[in-house]
Amino acid sequence: MDIKTHIHEAFAALENTTPLIHHITNYVTVNECANVVLAIGASPIMASEISEVAQMVGFAQALVLNIGTANTQSIEAMLEAGRAANAQGIPVVLDPVGVGATTFRRQSVARLLEQIRFSVIRGNMAEMKTLAGLETKSSGVDSLEDESDALSIAQGLAKKLNCVIAITGKEDVVCDGTHAYTLCNGDEALRSVTGTGCMSSSLIGSFLGATNNPLLSAILGISTMSLAGELADKSKGMGTFRISLFDRISKMNASLVLEKARIYLKG
């Protein structure tokens, strides 16, 4: 697929449909995720009560599951929502935040992978190596991994899990098992704002709800965040940068992505 020929269509679909994106997500970044969904032109719903999630996901065009602050109850809600989404053909995104940090996280993600079909899984290098069954280096939820083998990890996981794998880092890699892309935008300042990874997953979910195209959505969700990070005002400190980041996302469009996004087909 020639990604660039579909970028205008993806932004037009967002504008024309305003897809509802259901989240069961990280309470540290829930407000940022809701705002970034609004900024890109979709609509967020953050519902995690297990008695309503199956019904709620039926109203949505995509589901985003994020284990950043998961507990026993929220994992059960994720399973309930994910199964309902699968039954209704609603695409699902997984953000396995800090999956290698504890036994609970590893076991919880194993259950999610066993019971839910995912369209896109996005994480950092340490998280993806954990999913691949490899030894990892991390500090809490932050990766300390060398990223030189990101392409091979992404290719292997995409085939193993039969979904699009997106590994974010200094250079991002997105792979559907057949085609792989590297994305080379971004700025170190993004590390100063809590939740840019979580927000990237929400952006992926937004494009996915509009297009139901996992590969395109992963590329555009990540590129939107990375490009906004490059363009946002970094002259006045972290607070101004955070607000400017949302401003830049709210003004993102196909022409800007086509002009400035560095998206390279690798195979």
C-alpha atoms as a PDB file:
ATOM      1  CA  MET A   1       0.000   0.000   0.000  1.00  0.00           C
ATOM      2  CA  ASP A   2       1.283   3.468  -0.911  1.00  0.00           C
ATOM      3  CA  ILE A   3       0.651   5.165   2.427  1.00  0.00           C
ATOM      4  CA  LYS A   4       0.966   8.707   1.113  1.00  0.00           C
ATOM      5  CA  THR A   5      -1.865   8.300  -1.382  1.00  0.00           C
ATOM      6  CA  HIS A   6      -4.253   7.532   1.483  1.00  0.00           C
ATOM      7  CA  ILE A   7      -3.328  10.338   3.894  1.00  0.00           C
ATOM      8  CA  HIS A   8      -5.834  12.844   2.499  1.00  0.00           C
ATOM      9  CA  GLU A   9      -8.534  10.170   2.651  1.00  0.00           C
ATOM     10  CA  ALA A  10      -7.759   9.431   6.302  1.00  0.00           C
ATOM     11  CA  PHE A  11      -8.005  13.060   7.424  1.00  0.00           C
ATOM     12  CA  ALA A  12     -11.175  13.515   5.379  1.00  0.00           C
ATOM     13  CA  ALA A  13     -12.685  10.439   7.004  1.00  0.00           C
ATOM     14  CA  LEU A  14     -11.918  11.854  10.466  1.00  0.00           C
ATOM     15  CA  GLU A  15     -13.565  15.146   9.579  1.00  0.00           C
ATOM     16  CA  ASN A  16     -16.610  13.520   8.008  1.00  0.00           C
ATOM     17  CA  THR A  17     -17.310  10.853  10.647  1.00  0.00           C
ATOM     18  CA  THR A  18     -16.017  12.182  14.018  1.00  0.00           C
ATOM     19  CA  PRO A  19     -15.553   8.581  15.237  1.00  0.00           C
ATOM     20  CA  LEU A  20     -16.273   7.702  18.873  1.00  0.00           C
ATOM     21  CA  ILE A  21     -13.204   6.148  20.515  1.00  0.00           C
ATOM     22  CA  HIS A  22     -13.868   4.104  23.649  1.00  0.00           C
ATOM     23  CA  HIS A  23     -10.987   3.969  26.119  1.00  0.00           C
ATOM     24  CA  ILE A  24     -10.229   1.841  29.135  1.00  0.00           C
ATOM     25  CA  THR A  25      -7.035   3.566  29.977  1.00  0.00           C
ATOM     26  CA  ASN A  26      -4.406   4.959  32.284  1.00  0.00           C
ATOM     27  CA  TYR A  27      -5.836   7.313  34.930  1.00  0.00           C
ATOM     28  CA  VAL A  28      -2.587   9.312  34.952  1.00  0.00           C
ATOM     29  CA  THR A  29      -3.095  10.346  31.324  1.00  0.00           C
ATOM     30  CA  VAL A  30      -6.840   9.941  30.790  1.00  0.00           C
ATOM     31  CA  ASN A  31      -7.425  13.694  30.418  1.00  0.00           C
ATOM     32  CA  GLU A  32      -4.562  14.064  27.939  1.00  0.00           C
ATOM     33  CA  CYS A  33      -5.865  11.109  25.918  1.00  0.00           C
ATOM     34  CA  ALA A  34      -9.386  12.538  25.821  1.00  0.00           C
ATOM     35  CA  ASN A  35      -8.092  15.944  24.746  1.00  0.00           C
ATOM     36  CA  VAL A  36      -5.825  14.569  22.038  1.00  0.00           C
ATOM     37  CA  VAL A  37      -8.744  12.607  20.559  1.00  0.00           C
ATOM     38  CA  LEU A  38     -10.769  15.820  20.456  1.00  0.00           C
ATOM     39  CA  ALA A  39      -7.805  17.716  19.008  1.00  0.00           C
ATOM     40  CA  ILE A  40      -7.461  15.389  16.031  1.00  0.00           C
ATOM     41  CA  GLY A  41     -11.191  15.494  15.326  1.00  0.00           C
ATOM     42  CA  ALA A  42     -12.594  12.352  16.950  1.00  0.00           C
ATOM     43  CA  SER A  43     -14.732  11.945  20.076  1.00  0.00           C
ATOM     44  CA  PRO A  44     -13.576  10.223  23.307  1.00  0.00           C
ATOM     45  CA  ILE A  45     -15.479   8.138  25.830  1.00  0.00           C
ATOM     46  CA  MET A  46     -13.678   6.888  28.937  1.00  0.00           C
ATOM     47  CA  ALA A  47     -15.799   4.108  30.421  1.00  0.00           C
ATOM     48  CA  SER A  48     -14.385   1.257  32.512  1.00  0.00           C
ATOM     49  CA  GLU A  49     -17.327  -0.020  34.576  1.00  0.00           C
ATOM     50  CA  ILE A  50     -17.508  -3.704  33.714  1.00  0.00           C
ATOM     51  CA  SER A  51     -21.316  -3.778  33.721  1.00  0.00           C
ATOM     52  CA  GLU A  52     -21.506  -1.260  30.855  1.00  0.00           C
ATOM     53  CA  VAL A  53     -18.356  -1.667  28.757  1.00  0.00           C
ATOM     54  CA  ALA A  54     -19.798  -4.216  26.322  1.00  0.00           C
ATOM     55  CA  GLN A  55     -22.750  -1.956  25.619  1.00  0.00           C
ATOM     56  CA  MET A  56     -20.597   1.166  25.442  1.00  0.00           C
ATOM     57  CA  VAL A  57     -18.135  -0.290  22.959  1.00  0.00           C
ATOM     58  CA  GLY A  58     -21.070  -1.050  20.675  1.00  0.00           C
ATOM     59  CA  PHE A  59     -21.529   2.685  20.159  1.00  0.00           C
ATOM     60  CA  ALA A  60     -17.857   3.223  19.297  1.00  0.00           C
ATOM     61  CA  GLN A  61     -15.828   2.948  16.110  1.00  0.00           C
ATOM     62  CA  ALA A  62     -12.634   1.848  17.907  1.00  0.00           C
ATOM     63  CA  LEU A  63     -11.498   0.648  21.346  1.00  0.00           C
ATOM     64  CA  VAL A  64      -8.203   1.599  23.026  1.00  0.00           C
ATOM     65  CA  LEU A  65      -6.931  -0.511  25.944  1.00  0.00           C
ATOM     66  CA  ASN A  66      -4.043   0.843  28.034  1.00  0.00           C
ATOM     67  CA  ILE A  67      -2.653  -1.050  31.060  1.00  0.00           C
ATOM     68  CA  GLY A  68      -0.644   1.834  32.523  1.00  0.00           C
ATOM     69  CA  THR A  69      -2.581   1.892  35.799  1.00  0.00           C
ATOM     70  CA  ALA A  70      -4.438  -1.389  35.412  1.00  0.00           C
ATOM     71  CA  ASN A  71      -5.881  -3.342  38.319  1.00  0.00           C
ATOM     72  CA  THR A  72      -7.758  -6.612  38.590  1.00  0.00           C
ATOM     73  CA  GLN A  73     -11.117  -4.963  37.921  1.00  0.00           C
ATOM     74  CA  SER A  74      -9.971  -2.922  34.933  1.00  0.00           C
ATOM     75  CA  ILE A  75      -8.361  -5.951  33.284  1.00  0.00           C
ATOM     76  CA  GLU A  76     -11.671  -7.801  33.544  1.00  0.00           C
ATOM     77  CA  ALA A  77     -13.394  -4.787  32.003  1.00  0.00           C
ATOM     78  CA  MET A  78     -10.826  -4.754  29.186  1.00  0.00           C
ATOM     79  CA  LEU A  79     -11.483  -8.408  28.469  1.00  0.00           C
ATOM     80  CA  GLU A  80     -15.243  -7.827  28.430  1.00  0.00           C
ATOM     81  CA  ALA A  81     -14.952  -4.797  26.150  1.00  0.00           C
ATOM     82  CA  GLY A  82     -12.426  -6.454  23.843  1.00  0.00           C
ATOM     83  CA  ARG A  83     -14.531  -9.546  23.334  1.00  0.00           C
ATOM     84  CA  ALA A  84     -17.559  -7.373  22.563  1.00  0.00           C
ATOM     85  CA  ALA A  85     -15.545  -5.295  20.106  1.00  0.00           C
ATOM     86  CA  ASN A  86     -14.301  -8.410  18.320  1.00  0.00           C
ATOM     87  CA  ALA A  87     -17.826  -9.782  18.073  1.00  0.00           C
ATOM     88  CA  GLN A  88     -19.013  -6.570  16.420  1.00  0.00           C
ATOM     89  CA  GLY A  89     -16.017  -6.006  14.142  1.00  0.00           C
ATOM     90  CA  ILE A  90     -14.815  -2.941  16.052  1.00  0.00           C
ATOM     91  CA  PRO A  91     -11.002  -2.539  15.849  1.00  0.00           C
ATOM     92  CA  VAL A  92      -8.977  -2.646  19.083  1.00  0.00           C
ATOM     93  CA  VAL A  93      -5.654  -0.980  20.009  1.00  0.00           C
ATOM     94  CA  LEU A  94      -3.456  -2.244  22.855  1.00  0.00           C
ATOM     95  CA  ASP A  95      -0.908  -0.131  24.724  1.00  0.00           C
ATOM     96  CA  PRO A  96       0.954  -2.619  27.000  1.00  0.00           C
ATOM     97  CA  VAL A  97       2.489   0.034  29.277  1.00  0.00           C
ATOM     98  CA  GLY A  98       5.320  -1.375  31.395  1.00  0.00           C
ATOM     99  CA  VAL A  99       4.307  -4.942  30.585  1.00  0.00           C
ATOM    100  CA  GLY A 100       7.667  -6.331  31.689  1.00  0.00           C
ATOM    101  CA  ALA A 101       7.759  -4.523  35.017  1.00  0.00           C
ATOM    102  CA  THR A 102       5.699  -6.975  37.110  1.00  0.00           C
ATOM    103  CA  THR A 103       4.203 -10.432  37.016  1.00  0.00           C
ATOM    104  CA  PHE A 104       0.699  -8.941  37.166  1.00  0.00           C
ATOM    105  CA  ARG A 105       1.280  -6.914  34.017  1.00  0.00           C
ATOM    106  CA  ARG A 106       2.812  -9.815  32.113  1.00  0.00           C
ATOM    107  CA  GLN A 107       0.001 -12.175  33.078  1.00  0.00           C
ATOM    108  CA  SER A 108      -2.679  -9.577  32.341  1.00  0.00           C
ATOM    109  CA  VAL A 109      -1.354  -8.850  28.851  1.00  0.00           C
ATOM    110  CA  ALA A 110      -1.037 -12.582  28.183  1.00  0.00           C
ATOM    111  CA  ARG A 111      -4.769 -12.919  28.964  1.00  0.00           C
ATOM    112  CA  LEU A 112      -5.630  -9.975  26.733  1.00  0.00           C
ATOM    113  CA  LEU A 113      -3.628 -11.407  23.844  1.00  0.00           C
ATOM    114  CA  GLU A 114      -5.204 -14.808  24.343  1.00  0.00           C
ATOM    115  CA  GLN A 115      -8.805 -13.594  24.347  1.00  0.00           C
ATOM    116  CA  ILE A 116      -8.837 -10.478  22.123  1.00  0.00           C
ATOM    117  CA  ARG A 117      -7.866  -9.908  18.488  1.00  0.00           C
ATOM    118  CA  PHE A 118      -5.960  -6.639  18.239  1.00  0.00           C
ATOM    119  CA  SER A 119      -5.647  -4.467  15.156  1.00  0.00           C
ATOM    120  CA  VAL A 120      -2.659  -2.476  16.472  1.00  0.00           C
ATOM    121  CA  ILE A 121      -0.286  -2.902  19.408  1.00  0.00           C
ATOM    122  CA  ARG A 122       1.882   0.142  20.200  1.00  0.00           C
ATOM    123  CA  GLY A 123       4.673   0.251  22.749  1.00  0.00           C
ATOM    124  CA  ASN A 124       8.303   1.073  23.382  1.00  0.00           C
ATOM    125  CA  MET A 125      11.184  -1.297  22.689  1.00  0.00           C
ATOM    126  CA  ALA A 126      11.269  -2.874  26.148  1.00  0.00           C
ATOM    127  CA  GLU A 127       7.523  -3.549  26.052  1.00  0.00           C
ATOM    128  CA  MET A 128       7.724  -5.144  22.625  1.00  0.00           C
ATOM    129  CA  LYS A 129      10.706  -7.302  23.542  1.00  0.00           C
ATOM    130  CA  THR A 130       8.737  -8.535  26.545  1.00  0.00           C
ATOM    131  CA  LEU A 131       5.861  -9.496  24.235  1.00  0.00           C
ATOM    132  CA  ALA A 132       8.404 -11.316  22.063  1.00  0.00           C
ATOM    133  CA  GLY A 133       9.625 -13.290  25.092  1.00  0.00           C
ATOM    134  CA  LEU A 134      13.043 -11.625  25.202  1.00  0.00           C
ATOM    135  CA  GLU A 135      15.038 -10.197  28.102  1.00  0.00           C
ATOM    136  CA  THR A 136      14.612  -6.456  28.490  1.00  0.00           C
ATOM    137  CA  LYS A 137      16.053  -3.405  30.220  1.00  0.00           C
ATOM    138  CA  SER A 138      13.609  -0.852  31.591  1.00  0.00           C
ATOM    139  CA  SER A 139      13.065   1.626  34.400  1.00  0.00           C
ATOM    140  CA  GLY A 140       9.446   1.456  35.479  1.00  0.00           C
ATOM    141  CA  VAL A 141       7.541   2.015  32.258  1.00  0.00           C
ATOM    142  CA  ASP A 142      10.490   3.582  30.389  1.00  0.00           C
ATOM    143  CA  SER A 143      12.622   1.574  27.986  1.00  0.00           C
ATOM    144  CA  LEU A 144      16.395   1.405  28.396  1.00  0.00           C
ATOM    145  CA  GLU A 145      16.762  -0.820  25.353  1.00  0.00           C
ATOM    146  CA  ASP A 146      19.021  -0.444  22.351  1.00  0.00           C
ATOM    147  CA  GLU A 147      16.655   0.024  19.406  1.00  0.00           C
ATOM    148  CA  SER A 148      18.854  -1.305  16.615  1.00  0.00           C
ATOM    149  CA  ASP A 149      16.808  -4.494  16.247  1.00  0.00           C
ATOM    150  CA  ALA A 150      13.398  -2.754  16.305  1.00  0.00           C
ATOM    151  CA  LEU A 151      12.628  -3.682  12.697  1.00  0.00           C
ATOM    152  CA  SER A 152      13.211  -7.409  13.182  1.00  0.00           C
ATOM    153  CA  ILE A 153      11.290  -7.412  16.483  1.00  0.00           C
ATOM    154  CA  ALA A 154       8.345  -5.646  14.830  1.00  0.00           C
ATOM    155  CA  GLN A 155       8.334  -8.010  11.860  1.00  0.00           C
ATOM    156  CA  GLY A 156       8.429 -11.091  14.063  1.00  0.00           C
ATOM    157  CA  LEU A 157       5.704  -9.873  16.426  1.00  0.00           C
ATOM    158  CA  ALA A 158       3.427  -8.732  13.605  1.00  0.00           C
ATOM    159  CA  LYS A 159       3.495 -12.225  12.141  1.00  0.00           C
ATOM    160  CA  LYS A 160       3.187 -13.937  15.523  1.00  0.00           C
ATOM    161  CA  LEU A 161       0.274 -11.821  16.755  1.00  0.00           C
ATOM    162  CA  ASN A 162      -1.311 -11.205  13.333  1.00  0.00           C
ATOM    163  CA  CYS A 163      -1.654  -7.471  13.814  1.00  0.00           C
ATOM    164  CA  VAL A 164       0.141  -4.200  13.179  1.00  0.00           C
ATOM    165  CA  ILE A 165       3.050  -3.634  15.552  1.00  0.00           C
ATOM    166  CA  ALA A 166       4.213  -0.078  16.261  1.00  0.00           C
ATOM    167  CA  ILE A 167       7.448   0.393  18.215  1.00  0.00           C
ATOM    168  CA  THR A 168       8.055   3.987  19.265  1.00  0.00           C
ATOM    169  CA  GLY A 169      11.517   5.321  20.062  1.00  0.00           C
ATOM    170  CA  LYS A 170      14.158   7.589  18.555  1.00  0.00           C
ATOM    171  CA  GLU A 171      12.985   6.222  15.239  1.00  0.00           C
ATOM    172  CA  ASP A 172       9.583   4.560  15.131  1.00  0.00           C
ATOM    173  CA  VAL A 173       8.878   1.295  13.334  1.00  0.00           C
ATOM    174  CA  VAL A 174       5.463   0.179  12.096  1.00  0.00           C
ATOM    175  CA  CYS A 175       4.954  -3.258  10.540  1.00  0.00           C
ATOM    176  CA  ASP A 176       1.991  -5.389   9.480  1.00  0.00           C
ATOM    177  CA  GLY A 177       4.031  -8.538   8.856  1.00  0.00           C
ATOM    178  CA  THR A 178       4.377  -7.804   5.140  1.00  0.00           C
ATOM    179  CA  HIS A 179       5.366  -4.144   4.937  1.00  0.00           C
ATOM    180  CA  ALA A 180       7.467  -2.176   7.400  1.00  0.00           C
ATOM    181  CA  TYR A 181       7.988   1.565   7.732  1.00  0.00           C
ATOM    182  CA  THR A 182      10.339   3.724   9.735  1.00  0.00           C
ATOM    183  CA  LEU A 183       9.076   7.109  10.945  1.00  0.00           C
ATOM    184  CA  CYS A 184      11.785   9.676  11.594  1.00  0.00           C
ATOM    185  CA  ASN A 185      10.087  12.713  13.103  1.00  0.00           C
ATOM    186  CA  GLY A 186       9.999  13.684  16.782  1.00  0.00           C
ATOM    187  CA  ASP A 187      11.749  15.805  19.392  1.00  0.00           C
ATOM    188  CA  GLU A 188      13.412  15.090  22.737  1.00  0.00           C
ATOM    189  CA  ALA A 189      11.002  17.556  24.357  1.00  0.00           C
ATOM    190  CA  LEU A 190       8.221  14.964  24.014  1.00  0.00           C
ATOM    191  CA  ARG A 191       9.886  13.057  26.856  1.00  0.00           C
ATOM    192  CA  SER A 192       9.201  15.979  29.201  1.00  0.00           C
ATOM    193  CA  VAL A 193       5.422  15.608  28.958  1.00  0.00           C
ATOM    194  CA  THR A 194       3.651  12.747  30.707  1.00  0.00           C
ATOM    195  CA  GLY A 195       1.649  10.492  28.425  1.00  0.00           C
ATOM    196  CA  THR A 196       2.854  11.209  24.905  1.00  0.00           C
ATOM    197  CA  GLY A 197       2.991   7.456  24.294  1.00  0.00           C
ATOM    198  CA  CYS A 198      -0.529   6.990  25.649  1.00  0.00           C
ATOM    199  CA  MET A 199      -1.698   9.898  23.516  1.00  0.00           C
ATOM    200  CA  SER A 200      -0.077   8.317  20.460  1.00  0.00           C
ATOM    201  CA  SER A 201      -2.144   5.187  21.048  1.00  0.00           C
ATOM    202  CA  SER A 202      -5.275   7.339  21.295  1.00  0.00           C
ATOM    203  CA  LEU A 203      -4.376   9.051  18.026  1.00  0.00           C
ATOM    204  CA  ILE A 204      -3.929   5.633  16.413  1.00  0.00           C
ATOM    205  CA  GLY A 205      -7.366   4.685  17.720  1.00  0.00           C
ATOM    206  CA  SER A 206      -8.849   7.880  16.292  1.00  0.00           C
ATOM    207  CA  PHE A 207      -7.540   7.240  12.790  1.00  0.00           C
ATOM    208  CA  LEU A 208      -8.501   3.578  13.114  1.00  0.00           C
ATOM    209  CA  GLY A 209     -12.079   4.492  14.017  1.00  0.00           C
ATOM    210  CA  ALA A 210     -12.272   6.670  10.910  1.00  0.00           C
ATOM    211  CA  THR A 211     -10.541   4.359   8.416  1.00  0.00           C
ATOM    212  CA  ASN A 212     -10.434   0.818   9.847  1.00  0.00           C
ATOM    213  CA  ASN A 213      -6.968   0.649   8.269  1.00  0.00           C
ATOM    214  CA  PRO A 214      -4.536  -0.517  10.986  1.00  0.00           C
ATOM    215  CA  LEU A 215      -1.261   0.110   9.142  1.00  0.00           C
ATOM    216  CA  LEU A 216      -2.221   3.586   7.944  1.00  0.00           C
ATOM    217  CA  SER A 217      -3.678   4.483  11.349  1.00  0.00           C
ATOM    218  CA  ALA A 218      -0.535   3.469  13.236  1.00  0.00           C
ATOM    219  CA  ILE A 219       1.654   5.505  10.890  1.00  0.00           C
ATOM    220  CA  LEU A 220      -0.576   8.583  11.059  1.00  0.00           C
ATOM    221  CA  GLY A 221      -1.176   8.414  14.800  1.00  0.00           C
ATOM    222  CA  ILE A 222       2.530   8.270  15.586  1.00  0.00           C
ATOM    223  CA  SER A 223       3.510  10.760  12.888  1.00  0.00           C
ATOM    224  CA  THR A 224       0.947  13.255  14.162  1.00  0.00           C
ATOM    225  CA  MET A 225       2.416  13.173  17.667  1.00  0.00           C
ATOM    226  CA  SER A 226       6.031  13.251  16.470  1.00  0.00           C
ATOM    227  CA  LEU A 227       5.483  16.049  13.993  1.00  0.00           C
ATOM    228  CA  ALA A 228       3.514  18.103  16.531  1.00  0.00           C
ATOM    229  CA  GLY A 229       6.433  17.649  18.935  1.00  0.00           C
ATOM    230  CA  GLU A 230       8.807  19.089  16.353  1.00  0.00           C
ATOM    231  CA  LEU A 231       6.587  22.081  15.646  1.00  0.00           C
ATOM    232  CA  ALA A 232       5.413  22.914  19.186  1.00  0.00           C
ATOM    233  CA  ASP A 233       6.844  25.927  21.027  1.00  0.00           C
ATOM    234  CA  LYS A 234       9.791  24.837  23.180  1.00  0.00           C
ATOM    235  CA  SER A 235      11.084  28.314  24.025  1.00  0.00           C
ATOM    236  CA  LYS A 236       9.220  28.915  27.290  1.00  0.00           C
ATOM    237  CA  GLY A 237       9.394  25.595  29.141  1.00  0.00           C
ATOM    238  CA  MET A 238       7.451  22.389  29.631  1.00  0.00           C
ATOM    239  CA  GLY A 239       4.045  23.914  30.383  1.00  0.00           C
ATOM    240  CA  THR A 240       3.954  26.040  27.264  1.00  0.00           C
ATOM    241  CA  PHE A 241       5.269  23.125  25.216  1.00  0.00           C
ATOM    242  CA  ARG A 242       2.437  20.888  26.453  1.00  0.00           C
ATOM    243  CA  ILE A 243      -0.248  23.394  25.448  1.00  0.00           C
ATOM    244  CA  SER A 244       1.480  24.089  22.143  1.00  0.00           C
ATOM    245  CA  LEU A 245       1.592  20.339  21.479  1.00  0.00           C
ATOM    246  CA  PHE A 246      -2.216  20.154  21.660  1.00  0.00           C
ATOM    247  CA  ASP A 247      -2.483  23.263  19.488  1.00  0.00           C
ATOM    248  CA  ARG A 248      -0.286  21.686  16.839  1.00  0.00           C
ATOM    249  CA  ILE A 249      -2.261  18.435  16.894  1.00  0.00           C
ATOM    250  CA  SER A 250      -5.530  20.347  16.545  1.00  0.00           C
ATOM    251  CA  LYS A 251      -4.149  22.031  13.402  1.00  0.00           C
ATOM    252  CA  MET A 252      -2.664  18.862  11.887  1.00  0.00           C
ATOM    253  CA  ASN A 253      -3.815  18.076   8.367  1.00  0.00           C
ATOM    254  CA  ALA A 254      -2.949  15.909   5.395  1.00  0.00           C
ATOM    255  CA  SER A 255      -0.966  18.595   3.579  1.00  0.00           C
ATOM    256  CA  LEU A 256       1.273  19.220   6.596  1.00  0.00           C
ATOM    257  CA  VAL A 257       1.892  15.499   7.083  1.00  0.00           C
ATOM    258  CA  LEU A 258       2.708  15.031   3.411  1.00  0.00           C
ATOM    259  CA  GLU A 259       5.099  17.987   3.509  1.00  0.00           C
ATOM    260  CA  LYS A 260       6.939  17.296   6.753  1.00  0.00           C
ATOM    261  CA  ALA A 261       6.481  13.673   7.859  1.00  0.00           C
ATOM    262  CA  ARG A 262       9.483  11.473   7.182  1.00  0.00           C
ATOM    263  CA  ILE A 263       7.929   8.085   6.408  1.00  0.00           C
ATOM    264  CA  TYR A 264      10.127   5.451   4.772  1.00  0.00           C
ATOM    265  CA  LEU A 265       9.162   2.042   3.414  1.00  0.00           C
ATOM    266  CA  LYS A 266      11.667  -0.589   4.597  1.00  0.00           C
ATOM    267  CA  GLY A 267      10.307  -3.736   3.037  1.00  0.00           C
END
